[in-house]
Amino acid sequence: MTWIFLAGAIVSEVAATLSLRMASQGGGNKKFTAVITGYLTAFVFLTLALGGGVALGVAYGIWAASGIALTALASRVLFKEPLTKVMGLGIGLIVSGVLLIELGAAH
């Protein structure tokens, strides 16, 4: 269940960040409410994951890295922002780093 909480934190944070981009384009109070709700939800889920026993370094590393990668990919789709080969390599390195953190925590 703790990993589901961590996934919820990631999805909520990405949704909040994408909502922030939309709100900055004149979305009004409704979109700012989505931003605040998304970030609060992300922190609640992260707290639940930590309370369930996920190590802080592992949880934060996965949360932050996944958030960066998913936000970059979603920004490409939703906002037509650039996603270059170098950025793709960076996302690959982020994924590799998260895997190494997870493997390191298992020992």
PDB file of N, CA and C in Angstrom:
ATOM      1  N   MET A   1       0.811  -1.195   0.000  1.00  0.00           N
ATOM      2  CA  MET A   1       0.000   0.000   0.000  1.00  0.00           C
ATOM      3  C   MET A   1       0.858   1.263   0.000  1.00  0.00           C
ATOM      4  N   THR A   2       2.056   1.169   0.610  1.00  0.00           N
ATOM      5  CA  THR A   2       2.920   2.352   0.682  1.00  0.00           C
ATOM      6  C   THR A   2       3.357   2.818  -0.700  1.00  0.00           C
ATOM      7  N   TRP A   3       3.554   1.884  -1.610  1.00  0.00           N
ATOM      8  CA  TRP A   3       3.964   2.262  -2.956  1.00  0.00           C
ATOM      9  C   TRP A   3       2.808   2.905  -3.714  1.00  0.00           C
ATOM     10  N   ILE A   4       1.590   2.526  -3.397  1.00  0.00           N
ATOM     11  CA  ILE A   4       0.415   3.178  -3.992  1.00  0.00           C
ATOM     12  C   ILE A   4       0.324   4.618  -3.492  1.00  0.00           C
ATOM     13  N   PHE A   5       0.627   4.828  -2.200  1.00  0.00           N
ATOM     14  CA  PHE A   5       0.650   6.188  -1.666  1.00  0.00           C
ATOM     15  C   PHE A   5       1.715   7.028  -2.368  1.00  0.00           C
ATOM     16  N   LEU A   6       2.881   6.425  -2.594  1.00  0.00           N
ATOM     17  CA  LEU A   6       3.948   7.154  -3.285  1.00  0.00           C
ATOM     18  C   LEU A   6       3.535   7.486  -4.717  1.00  0.00           C
ATOM     19  N   ALA A   7       2.893   6.544  -5.392  1.00  0.00           N
ATOM     20  CA  ALA A   7       2.401   6.813  -6.752  1.00  0.00           C
ATOM     21  C   ALA A   7       1.360   7.929  -6.730  1.00  0.00           C
ATOM     22  N   GLY A   8       0.499   7.935  -5.717  1.00  0.00           N
ATOM     23  CA  GLY A   8      -0.484   9.003  -5.578  1.00  0.00           C
ATOM     24  C   GLY A   8       0.180  10.356  -5.380  1.00  0.00           C
ATOM     25  N   ALA A   9       1.261  10.378  -4.614  1.00  0.00           N
ATOM     26  CA  ALA A   9       2.014  11.620  -4.402  1.00  0.00           C
ATOM     27  C   ALA A   9       2.596  12.121  -5.713  1.00  0.00           C
ATOM     28  N   ILE A  10       3.131  11.212  -6.510  1.00  0.00           N
ATOM     29  CA  ILE A  10       3.735  11.589  -7.791  1.00  0.00           C
ATOM     30  C   ILE A  10       2.680  12.139  -8.742  1.00  0.00           C
ATOM     31  N   VAL A  11       1.586  11.424  -8.886  1.00  0.00           N
ATOM     32  CA  VAL A  11       0.523  11.851  -9.802  1.00  0.00           C
ATOM     33  C   VAL A  11      -0.063  13.194  -9.361  1.00  0.00           C
ATOM     34  N   SER A  12      -0.275  13.360  -8.057  1.00  0.00           N
ATOM     35  CA  SER A  12      -0.832  14.613  -7.546  1.00  0.00           C
ATOM     36  C   SER A  12       0.111  15.788  -7.790  1.00  0.00           C
ATOM     37  N   GLU A  13       1.398  15.557  -7.573  1.00  0.00           N
ATOM     38  CA  GLU A  13       2.386  16.628  -7.771  1.00  0.00           C
ATOM     39  C   GLU A  13       2.487  17.018  -9.239  1.00  0.00           C
ATOM     40  N   VAL A  14       2.491  16.042 -10.126  1.00  0.00           N
ATOM     41  CA  VAL A  14       2.549  16.329 -11.563  1.00  0.00           C
ATOM     42  C   VAL A  14       1.290  17.076 -11.998  1.00  0.00           C
ATOM     43  N   ALA A  15       0.141  16.641 -11.534  1.00  0.00           N
ATOM     44  CA  ALA A  15      -1.117  17.323 -11.875  1.00  0.00           C
ATOM     45  C   ALA A  15      -1.103  18.767 -11.375  1.00  0.00           C
ATOM     46  N   ALA A  16      -0.587  18.981 -10.167  1.00  0.00           N
ATOM     47  CA  ALA A  16      -0.518  20.332  -9.613  1.00  0.00           C
ATOM     48  C   ALA A  16       0.425  21.207 -10.434  1.00  0.00           C
ATOM     49  N   THR A  17       1.552  20.656 -10.838  1.00  0.00           N
ATOM     50  CA  THR A  17       2.514  21.421 -11.624  1.00  0.00           C
ATOM     51  C   THR A  17       1.945  21.769 -12.994  1.00  0.00           C
ATOM     52  N   LEU A  18       1.265  20.830 -13.627  1.00  0.00           N
ATOM     53  CA  LEU A  18       0.634  21.113 -14.919  1.00  0.00           C
ATOM     54  C   LEU A  18      -0.483  22.141 -14.761  1.00  0.00           C
ATOM     55  N   SER A  19      -1.218  22.062 -13.652  1.00  0.00           N
ATOM     56  CA  SER A  19      -2.263  23.051 -13.376  1.00  0.00           C
ATOM     57  C   SER A  19      -1.654  24.428 -13.147  1.00  0.00           C
ATOM     58  N   LEU A  20      -0.481  24.466 -12.550  1.00  0.00           N
ATOM     59  CA  LEU A  20       0.209  25.738 -12.337  1.00  0.00           C
ATOM     60  C   LEU A  20       0.547  26.388 -13.675  1.00  0.00           C
ATOM     61  N   ARG A  21       0.978  25.572 -14.619  1.00  0.00           N
ATOM     62  CA  ARG A  21       1.279  26.087 -15.965  1.00  0.00           C
ATOM     63  C   ARG A  21       0.016  26.650 -16.611  1.00  0.00           C
ATOM     64  N   MET A  22      -1.098  25.931 -16.470  1.00  0.00           N
ATOM     65  CA  MET A  22      -2.368  26.399 -17.036  1.00  0.00           C
ATOM     66  C   MET A  22      -2.854  27.662 -16.330  1.00  0.00           C
ATOM     67  N   ALA A  23      -2.719  27.700 -15.023  1.00  0.00           N
ATOM     68  CA  ALA A  23      -3.168  28.869 -14.256  1.00  0.00           C
ATOM     69  C   ALA A  23      -2.342  30.102 -14.610  1.00  0.00           C
ATOM     70  N   SER A  24      -1.085  29.898 -14.931  1.00  0.00           N
ATOM     71  CA  SER A  24      -0.234  31.040 -15.291  1.00  0.00           C
ATOM     72  C   SER A  24      -0.640  31.650 -16.628  1.00  0.00           C
ATOM     73  N   GLN A  25      -1.424  30.922 -17.398  1.00  0.00           N
ATOM     74  CA  GLN A  25      -1.910  31.422 -18.681  1.00  0.00           C
ATOM     75  C   GLN A  25      -3.294  32.038 -18.545  1.00  0.00           C
ATOM     76  N   GLY A  26      -3.667  32.416 -17.328  1.00  0.00           N
ATOM     77  CA  GLY A  26      -4.947  33.080 -17.125  1.00  0.00           C
ATOM     78  C   GLY A  26      -6.085  32.145 -16.833  1.00  0.00           C
ATOM     79  N   GLY A  27      -5.847  31.123 -16.052  1.00  0.00           N
ATOM     80  CA  GLY A  27      -6.881  30.147 -15.765  1.00  0.00           C
ATOM     81  C   GLY A  27      -7.872  30.549 -14.696  1.00  0.00           C
ATOM     82  N   GLY A  28      -7.566  31.584 -13.943  1.00  0.00           N
ATOM     83  CA  GLY A  28      -8.494  32.017 -12.901  1.00  0.00           C
ATOM     84  C   GLY A  28      -8.349  31.237 -11.612  1.00  0.00           C
ATOM     85  N   ASN A  29      -9.246  31.536 -10.665  1.00  0.00           N
ATOM     86  CA  ASN A  29      -9.178  30.947  -9.331  1.00  0.00           C
ATOM     87  C   ASN A  29      -9.380  29.436  -9.323  1.00  0.00           C
ATOM     88  N   LYS A  30     -10.173  28.922 -10.240  1.00  0.00           N
ATOM     89  CA  LYS A  30     -10.438  27.475 -10.272  1.00  0.00           C
ATOM     90  C   LYS A  30      -9.143  26.698 -10.495  1.00  0.00           C
ATOM     91  N   LYS A  31      -8.289  27.177 -11.377  1.00  0.00           N
ATOM     92  CA  LYS A  31      -7.032  26.468 -11.641  1.00  0.00           C
ATOM     93  C   LYS A  31      -6.045  26.633 -10.494  1.00  0.00           C
ATOM     94  N   PHE A  32      -6.064  27.781  -9.809  1.00  0.00           N
ATOM     95  CA  PHE A  32      -5.204  27.935  -8.642  1.00  0.00           C
ATOM     96  C   PHE A  32      -5.657  27.011  -7.515  1.00  0.00           C
ATOM     97  N   THR A  33      -6.944  26.778  -7.419  1.00  0.00           N
ATOM     98  CA  THR A  33      -7.461  25.824  -6.439  1.00  0.00           C
ATOM     99  C   THR A  33      -6.945  24.424  -6.760  1.00  0.00           C
ATOM    100  N   ALA A  34      -6.885  24.078  -8.031  1.00  0.00           N
ATOM    101  CA  ALA A  34      -6.345  22.774  -8.445  1.00  0.00           C
ATOM    102  C   ALA A  34      -4.864  22.667  -8.088  1.00  0.00           C
ATOM    103  N   VAL A  35      -4.134  23.762  -8.228  1.00  0.00           N
ATOM    104  CA  VAL A  35      -2.706  23.765  -7.878  1.00  0.00           C
ATOM    105  C   VAL A  35      -2.532  23.488  -6.389  1.00  0.00           C
ATOM    106  N   ILE A  36      -3.226  24.241  -5.571  1.00  0.00           N
ATOM    107  CA  ILE A  36      -3.102  24.098  -4.118  1.00  0.00           C
ATOM    108  C   ILE A  36      -3.557  22.714  -3.670  1.00  0.00           C
ATOM    109  N   THR A  37      -4.691  22.263  -4.190  1.00  0.00           N
ATOM    110  CA  THR A  37      -5.210  20.937  -3.833  1.00  0.00           C
ATOM    111  C   THR A  37      -4.240  19.843  -4.250  1.00  0.00           C
ATOM    112  N   GLY A  38      -3.674  19.973  -5.446  1.00  0.00           N
ATOM    113  CA  GLY A  38      -2.729  18.958  -5.938  1.00  0.00           C
ATOM    114  C   GLY A  38      -1.486  18.851  -5.084  1.00  0.00           C
ATOM    115  N   TYR A  39      -0.904  20.001  -4.719  1.00  0.00           N
ATOM    116  CA  TYR A  39       0.302  19.958  -3.889  1.00  0.00           C
ATOM    117  C   TYR A  39       0.003  19.452  -2.479  1.00  0.00           C
ATOM    118  N   LEU A  40      -1.114  19.881  -1.894  1.00  0.00           N
ATOM    119  CA  LEU A  40      -1.480  19.374  -0.564  1.00  0.00           C
ATOM    120  C   LEU A  40      -1.713  17.866  -0.595  1.00  0.00           C
ATOM    121  N   THR A  41      -2.399  17.402  -1.624  1.00  0.00           N
ATOM    122  CA  THR A  41      -2.643  15.965  -1.771  1.00  0.00           C
ATOM    123  C   THR A  41      -1.333  15.204  -1.925  1.00  0.00           C
ATOM    124  N   ALA A  42      -0.403  15.770  -2.697  1.00  0.00           N
ATOM    125  CA  ALA A  42       0.900  15.124  -2.887  1.00  0.00           C
ATOM    126  C   ALA A  42       1.627  14.966  -1.556  1.00  0.00           C
ATOM    127  N   PHE A  43       1.602  16.004  -0.728  1.00  0.00           N
ATOM    128  CA  PHE A  43       2.291  15.918   0.561  1.00  0.00           C
ATOM    129  C   PHE A  43       1.596  14.954   1.520  1.00  0.00           C
ATOM    130  N   VAL A  44       0.287  14.879   1.453  1.00  0.00           N
ATOM    131  CA  VAL A  44      -0.433  13.910   2.295  1.00  0.00           C
ATOM    132  C   VAL A  44      -0.043  12.491   1.880  1.00  0.00           C
ATOM    133  N   PHE A  45      -0.065  12.218   0.578  1.00  0.00           N
ATOM    134  CA  PHE A  45       0.316  10.879   0.106  1.00  0.00           C
ATOM    135  C   PHE A  45       1.775  10.564   0.431  1.00  0.00           C
ATOM    136  N   LEU A  46       2.661  11.551   0.288  1.00  0.00           N
ATOM    137  CA  LEU A  46       4.069  11.320   0.614  1.00  0.00           C
ATOM    138  C   LEU A  46       4.223  11.015   2.101  1.00  0.00           C
ATOM    139  N   THR A  47       3.489  11.720   2.938  1.00  0.00           N
ATOM    140  CA  THR A  47       3.517  11.460   4.376  1.00  0.00           C
ATOM    141  C   THR A  47       3.036  10.043   4.685  1.00  0.00           C
ATOM    142  N   LEU A  48       1.976   9.621   4.015  1.00  0.00           N
ATOM    143  CA  LEU A  48       1.466   8.258   4.222  1.00  0.00           C
ATOM    144  C   LEU A  48       2.478   7.209   3.770  1.00  0.00           C
ATOM    145  N   ALA A  49       3.160   7.464   2.664  1.00  0.00           N
ATOM    146  CA  ALA A  49       4.180   6.522   2.186  1.00  0.00           C
ATOM    147  C   ALA A  49       5.331   6.426   3.185  1.00  0.00           C
ATOM    148  N   LEU A  50       5.756   7.572   3.706  1.00  0.00           N
ATOM    149  CA  LEU A  50       6.838   7.572   4.693  1.00  0.00           C
ATOM    150  C   LEU A  50       6.390   6.883   5.976  1.00  0.00           C
ATOM    151  N   GLY A  51       5.165   7.146   6.391  1.00  0.00           N
ATOM    152  CA  GLY A  51       4.624   6.498   7.584  1.00  0.00           C
ATOM    153  C   GLY A  51       4.481   4.997   7.418  1.00  0.00           C
ATOM    154  N   GLY A  52       4.330   4.561   6.175  1.00  0.00           N
ATOM    155  CA  GLY A  52       4.204   3.134   5.889  1.00  0.00           C
ATOM    156  C   GLY A  52       5.529   2.409   5.814  1.00  0.00           C
ATOM    157  N   GLY A  53       6.622   3.150   5.944  1.00  0.00           N
ATOM    158  CA  GLY A  53       7.925   2.486   6.005  1.00  0.00           C
ATOM    159  C   GLY A  53       8.863   2.718   4.840  1.00  0.00           C
ATOM    160  N   VAL A  54       8.457   3.484   3.832  1.00  0.00           N
ATOM    161  CA  VAL A  54       9.381   3.768   2.735  1.00  0.00           C
ATOM    162  C   VAL A  54      10.452   4.717   3.260  1.00  0.00           C
ATOM    163  N   ALA A  55      11.706   4.415   3.011  1.00  0.00           N
ATOM    164  CA  ALA A  55      12.805   5.267   3.468  1.00  0.00           C
ATOM    165  C   ALA A  55      12.711   6.642   2.817  1.00  0.00           C
ATOM    166  N   LEU A  56      13.064   7.674   3.562  1.00  0.00           N
ATOM    167  CA  LEU A  56      12.947   9.044   3.088  1.00  0.00           C
ATOM    168  C   LEU A  56      13.744   9.276   1.804  1.00  0.00           C
ATOM    169  N   GLY A  57      14.977   8.833   1.771  1.00  0.00           N
ATOM    170  CA  GLY A  57      15.812   9.032   0.583  1.00  0.00           C
ATOM    171  C   GLY A  57      15.241   8.348  -0.648  1.00  0.00           C
ATOM    172  N   VAL A  58      14.727   7.158  -0.458  1.00  0.00           N
ATOM    173  CA  VAL A  58      14.127   6.413  -1.563  1.00  0.00           C
ATOM    174  C   VAL A  58      12.843   7.089  -2.020  1.00  0.00           C
ATOM    175  N   ALA A  59      11.966   7.417  -1.059  1.00  0.00           N
ATOM    176  CA  ALA A  59      10.683   8.037  -1.407  1.00  0.00           C
ATOM    177  C   ALA A  59      10.893   9.372  -2.100  1.00  0.00           C
ATOM    178  N   TYR A  60      11.741  10.212  -1.538  1.00  0.00           N
ATOM    179  CA  TYR A  60      11.944  11.537  -2.117  1.00  0.00           C
ATOM    180  C   TYR A  60      12.622  11.436  -3.480  1.00  0.00           C
ATOM    181  N   GLY A  61      13.578  10.534  -3.607  1.00  0.00           N
ATOM    182  CA  GLY A  61      14.262  10.355  -4.892  1.00  0.00           C
ATOM    183  C   GLY A  61      13.310   9.909  -5.988  1.00  0.00           C
ATOM    184  N   ILE A  62      12.492   8.936  -5.680  1.00  0.00           N
ATOM    185  CA  ILE A  62      11.526   8.436  -6.667  1.00  0.00           C
ATOM    186  C   ILE A  62      10.489   9.510  -6.973  1.00  0.00           C
ATOM    187  N   TRP A  63       9.993  10.180  -5.941  1.00  0.00           N
ATOM    188  CA  TRP A  63       8.973  11.223  -6.104  1.00  0.00           C
ATOM    189  C   TRP A  63       9.490  12.362  -6.972  1.00  0.00           C
ATOM    190  N   ALA A  64      10.652  12.869  -6.636  1.00  0.00           N
ATOM    191  CA  ALA A  64      11.205  14.009  -7.368  1.00  0.00           C
ATOM    192  C   ALA A  64      11.580  13.635  -8.798  1.00  0.00           C
ATOM    193  N   ALA A  65      12.282  12.533  -8.956  1.00  0.00           N
ATOM    194  CA  ALA A  65      12.740  12.130 -10.286  1.00  0.00           C
ATOM    195  C   ALA A  65      11.571  11.775 -11.201  1.00  0.00           C
ATOM    196  N   SER A  66      10.617  11.040 -10.680  1.00  0.00           N
ATOM    197  CA  SER A  66       9.457  10.683 -11.491  1.00  0.00           C
ATOM    198  C   SER A  66       8.655  11.925 -11.861  1.00  0.00           C
ATOM    199  N   GLY A  67       8.542  12.837 -10.911  1.00  0.00           N
ATOM    200  CA  GLY A  67       7.830  14.084 -11.181  1.00  0.00           C
ATOM    201  C   GLY A  67       8.475  14.885 -12.303  1.00  0.00           C
ATOM    202  N   ILE A  68       9.788  14.973 -12.278  1.00  0.00           N
ATOM    203  CA  ILE A  68      10.504  15.699 -13.329  1.00  0.00           C
ATOM    204  C   ILE A  68      10.278  15.041 -14.686  1.00  0.00           C
ATOM    205  N   ALA A  69      10.467  13.739 -14.746  1.00  0.00           N
ATOM    206  CA  ALA A  69      10.331  13.031 -16.018  1.00  0.00           C
ATOM    207  C   ALA A  69       8.896  13.095 -16.550  1.00  0.00           C
ATOM    208  N   LEU A  70       7.917  12.837 -15.690  1.00  0.00           N
ATOM    209  CA  LEU A  70       6.523  12.851 -16.139  1.00  0.00           C
ATOM    210  C   LEU A  70       6.067  14.258 -16.526  1.00  0.00           C
ATOM    211  N   THR A  71       6.532  15.269 -15.802  1.00  0.00           N
ATOM    212  CA  THR A  71       6.168  16.645 -16.147  1.00  0.00           C
ATOM    213  C   THR A  71       6.750  17.036 -17.497  1.00  0.00           C
ATOM    214  N   ALA A  72       7.982  16.654 -17.757  1.00  0.00           N
ATOM    215  CA  ALA A  72       8.587  16.958 -19.052  1.00  0.00           C
ATOM    216  C   ALA A  72       7.820  16.285 -20.189  1.00  0.00           C
ATOM    217  N   LEU A  73       7.458  15.030 -20.003  1.00  0.00           N
ATOM    218  CA  LEU A  73       6.714  14.305 -21.041  1.00  0.00           C
ATOM    219  C   LEU A  73       5.309  14.883 -21.229  1.00  0.00           C
ATOM    220  N   ALA A  74       4.629  15.168 -20.133  1.00  0.00           N
ATOM    221  CA  ALA A  74       3.274  15.719 -20.224  1.00  0.00           C
ATOM    222  C   ALA A  74       3.295  17.131 -20.823  1.00  0.00           C
ATOM    223  N   SER A  75       4.326  17.905 -20.516  1.00  0.00           N
ATOM    224  CA  SER A  75       4.443  19.255 -21.081  1.00  0.00           C
ATOM    225  C   SER A  75       4.624  19.207 -22.589  1.00  0.00           C
ATOM    226  N   ARG A  76       5.297  18.193 -23.042  1.00  0.00           N
ATOM    227  CA  ARG A  76       5.462  18.010 -24.491  1.00  0.00           C
ATOM    228  C   ARG A  76       4.108  17.750 -25.141  1.00  0.00           C
ATOM    229  N   VAL A  77       3.326  16.889 -24.543  1.00  0.00           N
ATOM    230  CA  VAL A  77       2.026  16.511 -25.102  1.00  0.00           C
ATOM    231  C   VAL A  77       1.003  17.638 -24.965  1.00  0.00           C
ATOM    232  N   LEU A  78       0.906  18.202 -23.764  1.00  0.00           N
ATOM    233  CA  LEU A  78      -0.148  19.181 -23.487  1.00  0.00           C
ATOM    234  C   LEU A  78       0.152  20.587 -23.988  1.00  0.00           C
ATOM    235  N   PHE A  79       1.423  21.003 -23.876  1.00  0.00           N
ATOM    236  CA  PHE A  79       1.774  22.392 -24.170  1.00  0.00           C
ATOM    237  C   PHE A  79       2.708  22.542 -25.366  1.00  0.00           C
ATOM    238  N   LYS A  80       3.006  21.428 -26.027  1.00  0.00           N
ATOM    239  CA  LYS A  80       3.896  21.430 -27.202  1.00  0.00           C
ATOM    240  C   LYS A  80       5.270  22.015 -26.877  1.00  0.00           C
ATOM    241  N   GLU A  81       5.728  21.798 -25.642  1.00  0.00           N
ATOM    242  CA  GLU A  81       7.054  22.259 -25.250  1.00  0.00           C
ATOM    243  C   GLU A  81       8.101  21.327 -25.842  1.00  0.00           C
ATOM    244  N   PRO A  82       9.306  21.820 -26.044  1.00  0.00           N
ATOM    245  CA  PRO A  82      10.337  20.988 -26.678  1.00  0.00           C
ATOM    246  C   PRO A  82      10.745  19.807 -25.790  1.00  0.00           C
ATOM    247  N   LEU A  83      11.076  18.725 -26.443  1.00  0.00           N
ATOM    248  CA  LEU A  83      11.635  17.551 -25.780  1.00  0.00           C
ATOM    249  C   LEU A  83      12.738  17.039 -26.708  1.00  0.00           C
ATOM    250  N   THR A  84      13.938  17.521 -26.464  1.00  0.00           N
ATOM    251  CA  THR A  84      15.069  17.215 -27.335  1.00  0.00           C
ATOM    252  C   THR A  84      15.689  15.866 -26.981  1.00  0.00           C
ATOM    253  N   LYS A  85      16.605  15.430 -27.810  1.00  0.00           N
ATOM    254  CA  LYS A  85      17.314  14.176 -27.532  1.00  0.00           C
ATOM    255  C   LYS A  85      18.123  14.288 -26.248  1.00  0.00           C
ATOM    256  N   VAL A  86      18.696  15.443 -26.016  1.00  0.00           N
ATOM    257  CA  VAL A  86      19.468  15.641 -24.784  1.00  0.00           C
ATOM    258  C   VAL A  86      18.547  15.565 -23.569  1.00  0.00           C
ATOM    259  N   MET A  87      17.352  16.143 -23.675  1.00  0.00           N
ATOM    260  CA  MET A  87      16.382  16.056 -22.584  1.00  0.00           C
ATOM    261  C   MET A  87      15.947  14.607 -22.366  1.00  0.00           C
ATOM    262  N   GLY A  88      15.750  13.868 -23.463  1.00  0.00           N
ATOM    263  CA  GLY A  88      15.409  12.449 -23.363  1.00  0.00           C
ATOM    264  C   GLY A  88      16.504  11.663 -22.670  1.00  0.00           C
ATOM    265  N   LEU A  89      17.759  11.993 -22.987  1.00  0.00           N
ATOM    266  CA  LEU A  89      18.893  11.356 -22.311  1.00  0.00           C
ATOM    267  C   LEU A  89      18.858  11.679 -20.820  1.00  0.00           C
ATOM    268  N   GLY A  90      18.535  12.919 -20.490  1.00  0.00           N
ATOM    269  CA  GLY A  90      18.426  13.310 -19.089  1.00  0.00           C
ATOM    270  C   GLY A  90      17.351  12.525 -18.370  1.00  0.00           C
ATOM    271  N   ILE A  91      16.212  12.336 -19.017  1.00  0.00           N
ATOM    272  CA  ILE A  91      15.138  11.544 -18.422  1.00  0.00           C
ATOM    273  C   ILE A  91      15.608  10.102 -18.219  1.00  0.00           C
ATOM    274  N   GLY A  92      16.320   9.565 -19.187  1.00  0.00           N
ATOM    275  CA  GLY A  92      16.875   8.218 -19.043  1.00  0.00           C
ATOM    276  C   GLY A  92      17.840   8.118 -17.871  1.00  0.00           C
ATOM    277  N   LEU A  93      18.656   9.157 -17.686  1.00  0.00           N
ATOM    278  CA  LEU A  93      19.581   9.169 -16.551  1.00  0.00           C
ATOM    279  C   LEU A  93      18.831   9.279 -15.224  1.00  0.00           C
ATOM    280  N   ILE A  94      17.744  10.034 -15.218  1.00  0.00           N
ATOM    281  CA  ILE A  94      16.923  10.136 -14.013  1.00  0.00           C
ATOM    282  C   ILE A  94      16.360   8.763 -13.657  1.00  0.00           C
ATOM    283  N   VAL A  95      15.818   8.069 -14.642  1.00  0.00           N
ATOM    284  CA  VAL A  95      15.258   6.730 -14.408  1.00  0.00           C
ATOM    285  C   VAL A  95      16.350   5.795 -13.897  1.00  0.00           C
ATOM    286  N   SER A  96      17.526   5.858 -14.507  1.00  0.00           N
ATOM    287  CA  SER A  96      18.647   5.022 -14.066  1.00  0.00           C
ATOM    288  C   SER A  96      19.039   5.344 -12.629  1.00  0.00           C
ATOM    289  N   GLY A  97      19.077   6.626 -12.298  1.00  0.00           N
ATOM    290  CA  GLY A  97      19.423   7.040 -10.948  1.00  0.00           C
ATOM    291  C   GLY A  97      18.428   6.539  -9.923  1.00  0.00           C
ATOM    292  N   VAL A  98      17.144   6.621 -10.252  1.00  0.00           N
ATOM    293  CA  VAL A  98      16.114   6.122  -9.334  1.00  0.00           C
ATOM    294  C   VAL A  98      16.269   4.617  -9.129  1.00  0.00           C
ATOM    295  N   LEU A  99      16.541   3.897 -10.194  1.00  0.00           N
ATOM    296  CA  LEU A  99      16.743   2.450 -10.060  1.00  0.00           C
ATOM    297  C   LEU A  99      17.951   2.138  -9.177  1.00  0.00           C
ATOM    298  N   LEU A 100      19.016   2.907  -9.335  1.00  0.00           N
ATOM    299  CA  LEU A 100      20.203   2.692  -8.500  1.00  0.00           C
ATOM    300  C   LEU A 100      19.918   3.007  -7.028  1.00  0.00           C
ATOM    301  N   ILE A 101      19.142   4.054  -6.783  1.00  0.00           N
ATOM    302  CA  ILE A 101      18.764   4.381  -5.410  1.00  0.00           C
ATOM    303  C   ILE A 101      17.961   3.234  -4.802  1.00  0.00           C
ATOM    304  N   GLU A 102      17.027   2.721  -5.563  1.00  0.00           N
ATOM    305  CA  GLU A 102      16.182   1.621  -5.083  1.00  0.00           C
ATOM    306  C   GLU A 102      17.011   0.374  -4.832  1.00  0.00           C
ATOM    307  N   LEU A 103      17.915   0.056  -5.743  1.00  0.00           N
ATOM    308  CA  LEU A 103      18.781  -1.117  -5.549  1.00  0.00           C
ATOM    309  C   LEU A 103      19.701  -0.927  -4.352  1.00  0.00           C
ATOM    310  N   GLY A 104      20.211   0.267  -4.168  1.00  0.00           N
ATOM    311  CA  GLY A 104      21.086   0.562  -3.036  1.00  0.00           C
ATOM    312  C   GLY A 104      20.351   0.451  -1.714  1.00  0.00           C
ATOM    313  N   ALA A 105      19.098   0.831  -1.690  1.00  0.00           N
ATOM    314  CA  ALA A 105      18.305   0.776  -0.457  1.00  0.00           C
ATOM    315  C   ALA A 105      17.987  -0.671  -0.076  1.00  0.00           C
ATOM    316  N   ALA A 106      17.980  -1.559  -1.063  1.00  0.00           N
ATOM    317  CA  ALA A 106      17.646  -2.960  -0.798  1.00  0.00           C
ATOM    318  C   ALA A 106      18.786  -3.684  -0.099  1.00  0.00           C
ATOM    319  N   HIS A 107      19.982  -3.093  -0.094  1.00  0.00           N
ATOM    320  CA  HIS A 107      21.136  -3.770   0.524  1.00  0.00           C
ATOM    321  C   HIS A 107      21.428  -3.249   1.873  1.00  0.00           C
TER     322      HIS A 107
END
